[in-house]
Amino acid sequence: IILFSTIVVPYRIGFSLEANGVWGIIESISFTLFVIDIILNFYTGLIDDIGEAHYDLPSIGKNYLKTWFLIDFFSTFPFETCFRLFMSFDESTSIDADNAANSSLNASSKLLKVLRLIRLLKLFRLLKLGKLASIFAMLEENFSGYSVVFSLTKLSGIMLLLAHLLGCLWMLIASNSTDDYSVQWYDGILDD
């Protein structure tokens, strides 16, 4: 799920795309699994320095709150949905239609920029890739005879991920530039 997020979230941010249809369903399932992960982390035992597991729920909760909880919370909380609900509630409670339309247009354009920045919070999930490093280390140890192949595969994966992230960042910067050029290099890409 983290790998899915590392690919899809930067793509959606960089290209300003919404998750619709099947992708919306997949993202809803991903969101649900991340919420379940947060809940389960309050019940997952701790392993101390000597390798013993501890299942004391208050200490597990305190440890999780001190370590990964804030990252998990801010990368999972549906800020976009809350802002959209707030904006629809705000528009429905306005009395004067003309003033509401003007203020709503200004607020919506500002909110769109804020929502794009808030989407970046989902990239905090990338920090959890550090947990995958221990899995890769274990796999590398188990397949020590193939260490060169394993190292090259890992390097290729890292290079592909970095190229993807930089490409999405490049698109985000280009699409948000304020240049007055009539033709941009990405015009054909966004039309598809």
Protein backbone atom coordinates (compact mmCIF):
# COMPACT_ATOMS: atom_id res chain seq x y z
CA ILE A 1 0.00 0.00 0.00
CA ILE A 2 2.90 2.33 0.77
CA LEU A 3 4.46 1.61 -2.62
CA PHE A 4 1.11 2.30 -4.29
CA SER A 5 0.95 5.63 -2.45
CA THR A 6 4.50 6.55 -3.43
CA ILE A 7 3.54 6.21 -7.08
CA VAL A 8 -0.04 7.47 -7.20
CA VAL A 9 0.06 10.39 -4.74
CA PRO A 10 2.93 12.28 -6.46
CA TYR A 11 1.32 11.62 -9.84
CA ARG A 12 -2.03 13.04 -8.71
CA ILE A 13 -0.35 16.04 -7.08
CA GLY A 14 1.94 16.78 -10.02
CA PHE A 15 -0.74 16.45 -12.67
CA SER A 16 -3.59 17.90 -10.53
CA LEU A 17 -5.78 14.84 -11.02
CA GLU A 18 -8.65 13.66 -8.88
CA ALA A 19 -9.27 10.01 -8.10
CA ASN A 20 -12.44 9.03 -9.95
CA GLY A 21 -14.07 5.73 -10.79
CA VAL A 22 -11.95 2.67 -10.08
CA TRP A 23 -9.06 4.84 -8.85
CA GLY A 24 -11.39 6.48 -6.34
CA ILE A 25 -12.39 3.05 -5.06
CA ILE A 26 -8.75 1.95 -4.84
CA GLU A 27 -7.85 5.12 -2.94
CA SER A 28 -10.80 4.58 -0.58
CA ILE A 29 -9.58 1.05 0.11
CA SER A 30 -6.05 2.38 0.62
CA PHE A 31 -7.35 5.02 3.03
CA THR A 32 -9.30 2.39 4.96
CA LEU A 33 -6.24 0.14 5.22
CA PHE A 34 -4.13 3.03 6.51
CA VAL A 35 -6.78 3.80 9.17
CA ILE A 36 -6.81 0.13 10.16
CA ASP A 37 -2.99 0.26 10.33
CA ILE A 38 -3.17 3.22 12.71
CA ILE A 39 -5.61 1.36 14.96
CA LEU A 40 -3.56 -1.86 14.90
CA ASN A 41 -0.39 0.02 15.79
CA PHE A 42 -1.93 0.75 19.19
CA TYR A 43 -2.15 -3.02 19.78
CA THR A 44 1.08 -4.25 18.19
CA GLY A 45 3.61 -5.49 20.73
CA LEU A 46 6.94 -3.80 21.32
CA ILE A 47 10.29 -5.54 21.09
CA ASP A 48 12.91 -4.21 23.48
CA ASP A 49 16.68 -4.09 23.09
CA ILE A 50 17.21 -7.67 24.20
CA GLY A 51 14.55 -9.03 21.83
CA GLU A 52 11.70 -9.62 24.26
CA ALA A 53 8.15 -8.73 23.22
CA HIS A 54 6.01 -6.57 25.51
CA TYR A 55 2.24 -6.39 25.21
CA ASP A 56 1.41 -3.70 27.77
CA LEU A 57 -1.21 -1.60 25.93
CA PRO A 58 -0.50 1.74 27.68
CA SER A 59 3.23 1.52 26.91
CA ILE A 60 2.49 0.43 23.32
CA GLY A 61 0.17 3.41 22.89
CA LYS A 62 2.67 5.86 24.39
CA ASN A 63 5.46 4.52 22.19
CA TYR A 64 3.32 4.77 19.04
CA LEU A 65 2.19 8.29 19.93
CA LYS A 66 5.84 9.31 20.38
CA THR A 67 7.09 7.73 17.16
CA TRP A 68 4.92 7.17 14.08
CA PHE A 69 1.47 8.40 15.08
CA LEU A 70 1.80 12.01 13.90
CA ILE A 71 3.24 10.94 10.56
CA ASP A 72 0.51 8.33 10.11
CA PHE A 73 -2.23 10.75 11.18
CA PHE A 74 -1.22 13.66 8.96
CA SER A 75 -0.59 11.42 5.97
CA THR A 76 -3.94 9.64 6.38
CA PHE A 77 -6.42 12.27 7.63
CA PRO A 78 -8.78 13.28 4.77
CA PHE A 79 -8.07 17.03 4.84
CA GLU A 80 -9.33 17.47 1.26
CA THR A 81 -12.68 15.89 2.05
CA CYS A 82 -13.08 17.99 5.18
CA PHE A 83 -12.29 21.19 3.29
CA ARG A 84 -14.73 20.30 0.53
CA LEU A 85 -17.44 19.55 3.07
CA PHE A 86 -16.69 22.82 4.85
CA MET A 87 -16.83 24.77 1.58
CA SER A 88 -20.13 23.18 0.52
CA PHE A 89 -21.58 23.91 3.96
CA ASP A 90 -20.28 27.49 3.81
CA GLU A 91 -21.82 28.04 0.35
CA SER A 92 -25.18 26.61 1.38
CA THR A 93 -25.45 28.90 4.41
CA SER A 94 -24.70 32.14 2.50
CA ILE A 95 -27.61 34.59 2.17
CA ASP A 96 -26.60 37.08 -0.53
CA ALA A 97 -26.10 35.21 -3.82
CA ASP A 98 -23.83 37.75 -5.59
CA ASN A 99 -21.53 38.28 -2.61
CA ALA A 100 -21.55 34.56 -1.95
CA ALA A 101 -20.51 33.82 -5.54
CA ASN A 102 -17.66 36.34 -5.47
CA SER A 103 -16.40 35.32 -2.05
CA SER A 104 -16.87 31.68 -2.94
CA LEU A 105 -14.81 32.09 -6.13
CA ASN A 106 -11.98 33.82 -4.26
CA ALA A 107 -12.10 31.31 -1.44
CA SER A 108 -12.22 28.40 -3.88
CA SER A 109 -9.14 29.54 -5.78
CA LYS A 110 -7.23 30.03 -2.53
CA LEU A 111 -8.54 26.74 -1.20
CA LEU A 112 -7.42 24.92 -4.34
CA LYS A 113 -3.85 26.04 -3.72
CA VAL A 114 -4.09 25.05 -0.07
CA LEU A 115 -5.50 21.64 -1.00
CA ARG A 116 -2.56 21.00 -3.31
CA LEU A 117 -0.19 21.76 -0.47
CA ILE A 118 -2.17 19.59 1.92
CA ARG A 119 -1.93 16.69 -0.53
CA LEU A 120 1.80 16.89 0.04
CA LEU A 121 1.17 15.70 3.60
CA LYS A 122 0.32 12.31 2.13
CA LEU A 123 3.92 12.09 1.01
CA PHE A 124 4.84 11.62 4.67
CA ARG A 125 3.94 8.01 3.97
CA LEU A 126 7.25 7.85 2.15
CA LEU A 127 8.92 7.99 5.54
CA LYS A 128 7.46 4.58 6.25
CA LEU A 129 9.57 3.21 3.41
CA GLY A 130 12.32 3.13 6.03
CA LYS A 131 10.48 0.17 7.52
CA LEU A 132 10.92 -1.61 4.20
CA ALA A 133 14.69 -1.20 4.52
CA SER A 134 14.71 -3.79 7.30
CA ILE A 135 12.75 -6.19 5.10
CA PHE A 136 15.22 -5.65 2.25
CA ALA A 137 18.13 -6.25 4.65
CA MET A 138 16.56 -9.54 5.76
CA LEU A 139 15.96 -10.62 2.16
CA GLU A 140 19.50 -9.70 1.21
CA GLU A 141 20.82 -11.75 4.11
CA ASN A 142 18.68 -14.77 3.16
CA PHE A 143 19.74 -14.61 -0.49
CA SER A 144 23.42 -13.86 0.13
CA GLY A 145 24.46 -15.87 -2.94
CA TYR A 146 22.60 -13.43 -5.16
CA SER A 147 23.78 -10.24 -3.47
CA VAL A 148 24.89 -8.57 -6.73
CA VAL A 149 21.56 -9.24 -8.44
CA PHE A 150 19.66 -8.16 -5.35
CA SER A 151 21.71 -4.95 -5.02
CA LEU A 152 21.22 -4.08 -8.69
CA THR A 153 17.48 -4.72 -8.45
CA LYS A 154 17.22 -2.53 -5.36
CA LEU A 155 19.28 0.23 -7.01
CA SER A 156 17.09 0.07 -10.14
CA GLY A 157 13.94 0.34 -8.04
CA ILE A 158 15.29 3.34 -6.14
CA MET A 159 16.33 5.04 -9.40
CA LEU A 160 12.88 4.45 -10.94
CA LEU A 161 11.14 5.81 -7.85
CA LEU A 162 13.35 8.91 -7.79
CA ALA A 163 12.79 9.50 -11.52
CA HIS A 164 9.04 9.22 -10.96
CA LEU A 165 9.07 11.62 -8.01
CA LEU A 166 11.23 14.16 -9.86
CA GLY A 167 9.05 13.92 -12.99
CA CYS A 168 5.92 14.59 -10.93
CA LEU A 169 7.64 17.47 -9.15
CA TRP A 170 8.74 18.91 -12.49
CA MET A 171 5.16 18.76 -13.78
CA LEU A 172 3.83 20.37 -10.59
CA ILE A 173 6.27 23.26 -10.90
CA ALA A 174 5.61 23.73 -14.62
CA SER A 175 1.83 23.62 -14.32
CA ASN A 176 1.84 26.16 -11.49
CA SER A 177 4.23 28.59 -13.14
CA THR A 178 2.88 32.06 -13.86
CA ASP A 179 4.65 32.58 -17.18
CA ASP A 180 2.59 34.24 -19.90
CA TYR A 181 3.69 31.92 -22.69
CA SER A 182 0.84 30.70 -24.84
CA VAL A 183 2.33 27.24 -25.48
CA GLN A 184 3.83 25.08 -22.74
CA TRP A 185 5.77 21.85 -23.12
CA TYR A 186 3.09 19.94 -21.19
CA ASP A 187 0.02 21.08 -23.17
CA GLY A 188 -0.27 17.80 -25.07
CA ILE A 189 0.15 15.75 -21.91
CA LEU A 190 -2.69 17.38 -19.98
CA ASP A 191 -5.13 17.11 -22.90
CA ASP A 192 -4.96 13.29 -22.90
